Amino acid sequence: MVQVRSILAIEMEKLCEGYGLIEGPVWDSERGLIFSDVLNGGVFAVTPTGDVSVVFEHRRGIGGISPHVAGGLIVSGRNISYKPFAGGDTVLVLDRDEEAGNIGYNDITTDAAGRIYAGSLGSSPVFADGREPQSGDLYLIDLDGTSRKVAEDIQLTNGLGFSPDGKTLYHSDSRRQTVLRYGVNDDGSLGKKQILATVDTGAPDGLAVSEDGRIWVALAGGQGVGIFDADGALQEIIEIPLPMCTSVCFGGDDLRDLYIVSGSDGVAAENAGAVFRHPVNVAGLKVPAARVALKSGG
């Protein structure tokens, strides 16, 4: 039986607000929670005390963020790129291919080796591009910077994350309202796509995995985070005050703070997106930094 937990104000803390559509949350031990505003542009960081700073200005459409060992961030959007914290040129890592129906990328994640998995988009879910909804694919960017397709036909690619042993990759297909899973081979290739869970409360969006193997999935339009066990059973829903729950991330020194981000859909205000923090009783898995080669001149 699903146990829906109503969040008390003392438990759920709003750290900041005023964004159009927050995505890509990733924990940084120095800066706090890093996140993007897809609609208005920019990458920001908020500390545990609620202090907000600008990490990168401009660039709209960033749906996924990953730290890189070189000292900067891998960001998605119209392409996969590296942006250094210290400033300087942006490095192209993986471009879109519009002629092949790939107009850009949404969520990304990394494996223990530092390889990047990136879900492509066949049409934009937030910007009017004149395209009918089309499926995308899942790409692997290897350590040498080469890329290959490892899964196909994801109607609307969203959250990505690995099981604690790294042998299973979880992947949200929002338009199909499913959370997928793939077996992971040593070379990073994936086995057959399987359905882990079908969601009937909102659409599965960003996700994170905890040390005990549970999958924490943002339910866009469902006003909360669904917690699934490794067999796909929904155990609990953590509610937030806004309907458009877009992604989740574990943070804090012990990774026992659940950061939940949101967008403005479903409320009257245009910039109602907020970052919430909620303490949990299990630590999340640390997402490894990317280690893919950065080729100058890209």
Protein backbone atom coordinates (compact mmCIF):
# COMPACT_ATOMS: atom_id res chain seq x y z
CA MET A 1 0.00 0.00 0.00
CA VAL A 2 1.26 3.48 -0.88
CA GLN A 3 1.77 5.73 2.11
CA VAL A 4 1.48 9.38 1.15
CA ARG A 5 3.32 11.52 3.64
CA SER A 6 2.09 15.08 4.07
CA ILE A 7 5.07 17.35 4.61
CA LEU A 8 4.91 19.62 7.63
CA ALA A 9 6.33 23.14 7.30
CA ILE A 10 8.96 22.34 9.92
CA GLU A 11 10.27 19.55 7.67
CA MET A 12 10.06 21.15 4.22
CA GLU A 13 12.20 24.28 3.90
CA LYS A 14 12.00 26.60 0.90
CA LEU A 15 15.54 27.87 0.23
CA CYS A 16 14.84 30.16 -2.74
CA GLU A 17 12.20 30.94 -5.36
CA GLY A 18 11.51 33.14 -8.37
CA TYR A 19 12.48 30.88 -11.29
CA GLY A 20 10.59 29.80 -14.38
CA LEU A 21 11.54 26.12 -14.60
CA ILE A 22 14.29 24.71 -12.40
CA GLU A 23 16.16 21.63 -13.63
CA GLY A 24 19.51 19.85 -13.39
CA PRO A 25 20.13 19.95 -9.61
CA VAL A 26 23.57 18.70 -8.61
CA TRP A 27 25.31 18.98 -5.24
CA ASP A 28 28.63 20.82 -5.00
CA SER A 29 30.43 20.73 -1.64
CA GLU A 30 31.78 24.29 -2.10
CA ARG A 31 28.87 26.08 -3.76
CA GLY A 32 25.83 24.18 -2.49
CA LEU A 33 23.05 23.05 -4.80
CA ILE A 34 23.72 24.00 -8.42
CA PHE A 35 20.68 24.26 -10.70
CA SER A 36 19.47 25.82 -13.96
CA ASP A 37 16.48 27.90 -14.99
CA VAL A 38 15.43 26.40 -18.33
CA LEU A 39 13.05 29.18 -19.31
CA ASN A 40 14.88 32.30 -18.15
CA GLY A 41 18.41 31.04 -18.58
CA GLY A 42 21.36 30.82 -16.24
CA VAL A 43 22.93 28.40 -13.79
CA PHE A 44 22.78 29.24 -10.09
CA ALA A 45 23.87 27.89 -6.73
CA VAL A 46 22.09 28.08 -3.40
CA THR A 47 23.80 27.37 -0.07
CA PRO A 48 22.14 25.46 2.77
CA THR A 49 21.37 28.85 4.36
CA GLY A 50 19.59 30.13 1.25
CA ASP A 51 22.26 32.40 -0.23
CA VAL A 52 22.02 32.40 -4.04
CA SER A 53 24.86 33.10 -6.47
CA VAL A 54 25.11 33.09 -10.27
CA VAL A 55 27.37 30.35 -11.64
CA PHE A 56 26.83 31.05 -15.35
CA GLU A 57 24.66 33.68 -16.98
CA HIS A 58 22.52 33.41 -20.10
CA ARG A 59 22.11 30.02 -21.84
CA ARG A 60 18.52 28.82 -21.69
CA GLY A 61 17.36 25.23 -22.02
CA ILE A 62 19.83 23.49 -19.69
CA GLY A 63 18.06 20.35 -18.51
CA GLY A 64 21.03 18.43 -17.12
CA ILE A 65 24.23 19.32 -15.25
CA SER A 66 27.23 17.28 -14.16
CA PRO A 67 30.51 18.36 -12.55
CA HIS A 68 33.70 17.69 -14.51
CA VAL A 69 37.09 16.89 -12.98
CA ALA A 70 38.65 19.78 -14.95
CA GLY A 71 36.85 22.27 -12.70
CA GLY A 72 33.59 23.21 -14.35
CA LEU A 73 30.27 21.80 -15.44
CA ILE A 74 28.97 19.64 -18.26
CA VAL A 75 25.63 21.13 -19.32
CA SER A 76 22.97 19.96 -21.74
CA GLY A 77 20.59 21.91 -23.98
CA ARG A 78 21.07 22.49 -27.68
CA ASN A 79 24.25 20.42 -27.25
CA ILE A 80 26.39 18.86 -24.53
CA SER A 81 29.12 21.31 -23.54
CA TYR A 82 31.71 21.98 -20.87
CA LYS A 83 31.77 25.38 -19.15
CA PRO A 84 34.71 26.13 -16.81
CA PHE A 85 34.01 27.74 -13.44
CA ALA A 86 36.92 30.12 -13.93
CA GLY A 87 35.53 31.51 -17.18
CA GLY A 88 36.84 31.05 -20.67
CA ASP A 89 35.65 29.29 -23.76
CA THR A 90 32.83 26.78 -23.76
CA VAL A 91 33.94 23.38 -25.11
CA LEU A 92 31.56 21.38 -27.31
CA VAL A 93 31.38 17.76 -26.17
CA LEU A 94 28.49 16.35 -28.24
CA ASP A 95 26.49 18.29 -30.82
CA ARG A 96 22.87 17.89 -31.86
CA ASP A 97 21.95 16.45 -35.27
CA GLU A 98 18.75 18.09 -36.44
CA GLU A 99 18.69 16.28 -39.77
CA ALA A 100 18.57 12.99 -37.86
CA GLY A 101 15.81 14.30 -35.56
CA ASN A 102 18.08 15.12 -32.61
CA ILE A 103 17.42 18.75 -31.65
CA GLY A 104 19.29 18.71 -28.33
CA TYR A 105 19.61 17.02 -24.98
CA ASN A 106 17.82 16.96 -21.64
CA ASP A 107 18.92 15.05 -18.51
CA ILE A 108 22.43 13.65 -18.17
CA THR A 109 24.27 11.51 -15.64
CA THR A 110 27.67 9.90 -15.14
CA ASP A 111 28.85 6.41 -14.24
CA ALA A 112 31.64 5.45 -11.85
CA ALA A 113 34.21 5.70 -14.66
CA GLY A 114 33.16 9.26 -15.47
CA ARG A 115 31.41 8.48 -18.74
CA ILE A 116 28.36 10.60 -19.58
CA TYR A 117 24.89 9.33 -20.49
CA ALA A 118 22.73 11.92 -22.27
CA GLY A 119 19.14 11.65 -23.44
CA SER A 120 18.34 13.37 -26.73
CA LEU A 121 15.15 15.19 -27.68
CA GLY A 122 13.21 14.80 -30.92
CA SER A 123 11.17 17.91 -30.12
CA SER A 124 11.27 20.50 -27.37
CA PRO A 125 8.96 19.93 -24.40
CA VAL A 126 9.11 23.60 -23.33
CA PHE A 127 10.02 25.78 -26.34
CA ALA A 128 7.79 26.09 -29.42
CA ASP A 129 9.89 24.69 -32.28
CA GLY A 130 7.16 23.77 -34.76
CA ARG A 131 7.91 20.07 -34.41
CA GLU A 132 5.41 17.38 -33.58
CA PRO A 133 6.35 15.32 -30.50
CA GLN A 134 9.06 12.85 -31.50
CA SER A 135 11.06 10.25 -29.66
CA GLY A 136 14.72 10.67 -28.77
CA ASP A 137 17.56 8.30 -27.95
CA LEU A 138 20.12 7.74 -25.23
CA TYR A 139 23.80 8.41 -25.94
CA LEU A 140 26.99 7.42 -24.16
CA ILE A 141 29.98 9.77 -24.27
CA ASP A 142 33.09 7.72 -23.59
CA LEU A 143 36.24 8.84 -21.82
CA ASP A 144 38.02 9.58 -25.11
CA GLY A 145 35.18 11.91 -26.15
CA THR A 146 33.64 9.59 -28.72
CA SER A 147 29.92 8.92 -28.52
CA ARG A 148 27.50 6.15 -29.45
CA LYS A 149 23.81 5.45 -29.18
CA VAL A 150 23.01 2.94 -26.44
CA ALA A 151 19.19 3.03 -26.33
CA GLU A 152 16.39 4.18 -28.62
CA ASP A 153 12.80 5.39 -28.68
CA ILE A 154 12.38 7.40 -25.49
CA GLN A 155 9.37 9.62 -26.10
CA LEU A 156 10.44 12.30 -23.60
CA THR A 157 13.78 11.64 -21.95
CA ASN A 158 14.21 12.77 -18.39
CA GLY A 159 15.88 11.60 -15.16
CA LEU A 160 18.87 9.25 -15.23
CA GLY A 161 20.63 7.50 -12.35
CA PHE A 162 22.51 4.31 -11.42
CA SER A 163 21.84 1.62 -8.87
CA PRO A 164 24.35 1.39 -5.98
CA ASP A 165 26.31 -1.40 -7.70
CA GLY A 166 26.34 0.45 -11.03
CA LYS A 167 24.81 -2.51 -12.85
CA THR A 168 21.42 -0.90 -13.54
CA LEU A 169 20.63 2.44 -15.14
CA TYR A 170 17.25 4.05 -14.40
CA HIS A 171 15.67 6.42 -16.92
CA SER A 172 12.41 8.41 -16.93
CA ASP A 173 10.29 8.49 -20.08
CA SER A 174 7.86 11.22 -19.11
CA ARG A 175 5.51 11.04 -22.06
CA ARG A 176 5.01 7.30 -21.58
CA GLN A 177 4.72 7.83 -17.80
CA THR A 178 7.26 5.10 -17.17
CA VAL A 179 10.53 4.67 -15.30
CA LEU A 180 12.79 2.41 -17.35
CA ARG A 181 15.75 0.27 -16.38
CA TYR A 182 18.63 -1.17 -18.36
CA GLY A 183 21.35 -3.64 -17.45
CA VAL A 184 24.77 -2.02 -17.81
CA ASN A 185 27.70 -3.82 -19.46
CA ASP A 186 31.35 -3.23 -18.59
CA ASP A 187 31.91 -1.13 -21.74
CA GLY A 188 28.98 1.13 -20.86
CA SER A 189 26.59 -0.36 -23.40
CA LEU A 190 23.11 -1.22 -22.21
CA GLY A 191 20.93 -4.30 -22.23
CA LYS A 192 17.30 -4.48 -23.18
CA LYS A 193 15.06 -1.61 -22.11
CA GLN A 194 12.59 -2.74 -19.44
CA ILE A 195 9.80 -0.98 -17.56
CA LEU A 196 10.55 -0.62 -13.86
CA ALA A 197 7.38 1.28 -12.97
CA THR A 198 4.38 2.95 -14.56
CA VAL A 199 3.38 6.22 -12.92
CA ASP A 200 -0.25 7.32 -12.65
CA THR A 201 0.31 10.42 -10.50
CA GLY A 202 1.98 13.05 -12.65
CA ALA A 203 4.81 12.19 -15.05
CA PRO A 204 8.23 10.87 -13.99
CA ASP A 205 10.86 13.57 -14.36
CA GLY A 206 14.30 13.90 -12.72
CA LEU A 207 15.44 11.15 -10.37
CA ALA A 208 18.08 10.23 -7.80
CA VAL A 209 19.07 6.97 -6.10
CA SER A 210 19.78 6.39 -2.42
CA GLU A 211 22.32 4.06 -0.83
CA ASP A 212 19.63 1.52 -0.04
CA GLY A 213 18.79 1.20 -3.76
CA ARG A 214 15.53 3.10 -3.77
CA ILE A 215 14.74 5.41 -6.68
CA TRP A 216 13.44 8.89 -5.84
CA VAL A 217 11.48 10.26 -8.80
CA ALA A 218 10.10 13.78 -9.27
CA LEU A 219 6.46 13.53 -10.34
CA ALA A 220 5.81 16.51 -12.62
CA GLY A 221 2.20 17.54 -12.18
CA GLY A 222 1.89 15.13 -9.29
CA GLN A 223 3.08 17.59 -6.64
CA GLY A 224 5.81 15.50 -5.10
CA VAL A 225 8.53 12.86 -5.18
CA GLY A 226 7.69 9.19 -5.53
CA ILE A 227 9.97 6.71 -3.77
CA PHE A 228 10.21 3.35 -5.55
CA ASP A 229 11.99 0.21 -4.41
CA ALA A 230 14.33 -1.67 -6.75
CA ASP A 231 11.44 -3.86 -7.91
CA GLY A 232 9.43 -0.82 -9.00
CA ALA A 233 6.89 -0.74 -6.17
CA LEU A 234 5.85 2.77 -5.10
CA GLN A 235 6.44 2.99 -1.37
CA GLU A 236 5.79 6.60 -0.52
CA ILE A 237 5.16 10.07 -1.93
CA ILE A 238 6.76 13.17 -0.45
CA GLU A 239 4.56 16.17 -1.23
CA ILE A 240 5.72 19.71 -2.01
CA PRO A 241 3.64 22.92 -2.06
CA LEU A 242 3.86 23.28 -5.88
CA PRO A 243 2.41 20.96 -8.53
CA MET A 244 5.34 21.07 -10.98
CA CYS A 245 7.97 18.96 -9.23
CA THR A 246 10.78 18.64 -11.77
CA SER A 247 13.83 16.99 -10.21
CA VAL A 248 15.57 15.80 -7.04
CA CYS A 249 19.11 15.61 -5.71
CA PHE A 250 20.76 14.44 -2.50
CA GLY A 251 23.05 16.97 -0.85
CA GLY A 252 24.62 18.15 2.36
CA ASP A 253 27.80 16.90 4.00
CA ASP A 254 26.28 13.47 4.61
CA LEU A 255 24.01 13.45 1.51
CA ARG A 256 20.96 13.12 3.76
CA ASP A 257 19.23 16.29 2.59
CA LEU A 258 16.81 15.79 -0.28
CA TYR A 259 16.74 18.84 -2.52
CA ILE A 260 13.55 19.12 -4.57
CA VAL A 261 13.19 21.62 -7.41
CA SER A 262 10.12 22.85 -9.22
CA GLY A 263 8.65 24.91 -12.04
CA SER A 264 5.78 27.35 -12.47
CA ASP A 265 3.22 25.20 -14.29
CA GLY A 266 -0.05 24.90 -12.44
CA VAL A 267 0.19 28.20 -10.56
CA ALA A 268 -0.71 31.76 -11.54
CA ALA A 269 2.77 33.25 -11.24
CA GLU A 270 5.24 33.02 -14.13
CA ASN A 271 8.31 32.62 -11.92
CA ALA A 272 7.13 30.44 -9.05
CA GLY A 273 9.84 27.79 -9.38
CA ALA A 274 11.53 27.09 -6.05
CA VAL A 275 14.16 24.96 -4.33
CA PHE A 276 13.06 22.96 -1.30
CA ARG A 277 15.13 20.99 1.19
CA HIS A 278 13.84 18.06 3.19
CA PRO A 279 15.86 15.88 5.62
CA VAL A 280 15.67 12.13 4.99
CA ASN A 281 16.85 9.10 6.94
CA VAL A 282 19.03 7.57 4.21
CA ALA A 283 22.01 8.94 2.30
CA GLY A 284 21.91 9.44 -1.42
CA LEU A 285 24.51 8.13 -3.82
CA LYS A 286 27.21 10.59 -4.79
CA VAL A 287 27.07 11.23 -8.54
CA PRO A 288 30.64 10.93 -9.94
CA ALA A 289 32.27 13.78 -11.79
CA ALA A 290 32.60 13.44 -15.56
CA ARG A 291 36.01 12.50 -16.91
CA VAL A 292 35.41 12.64 -20.65
CA ALA A 293 38.10 14.23 -22.80
CA LEU A 294 37.65 17.92 -23.57
CA LYS A 295 38.76 18.67 -27.10
CA SER A 296 39.72 22.29 -27.67
CA GLY A 297 38.31 24.05 -30.69
CA GLY A 298 34.92 22.34 -30.36
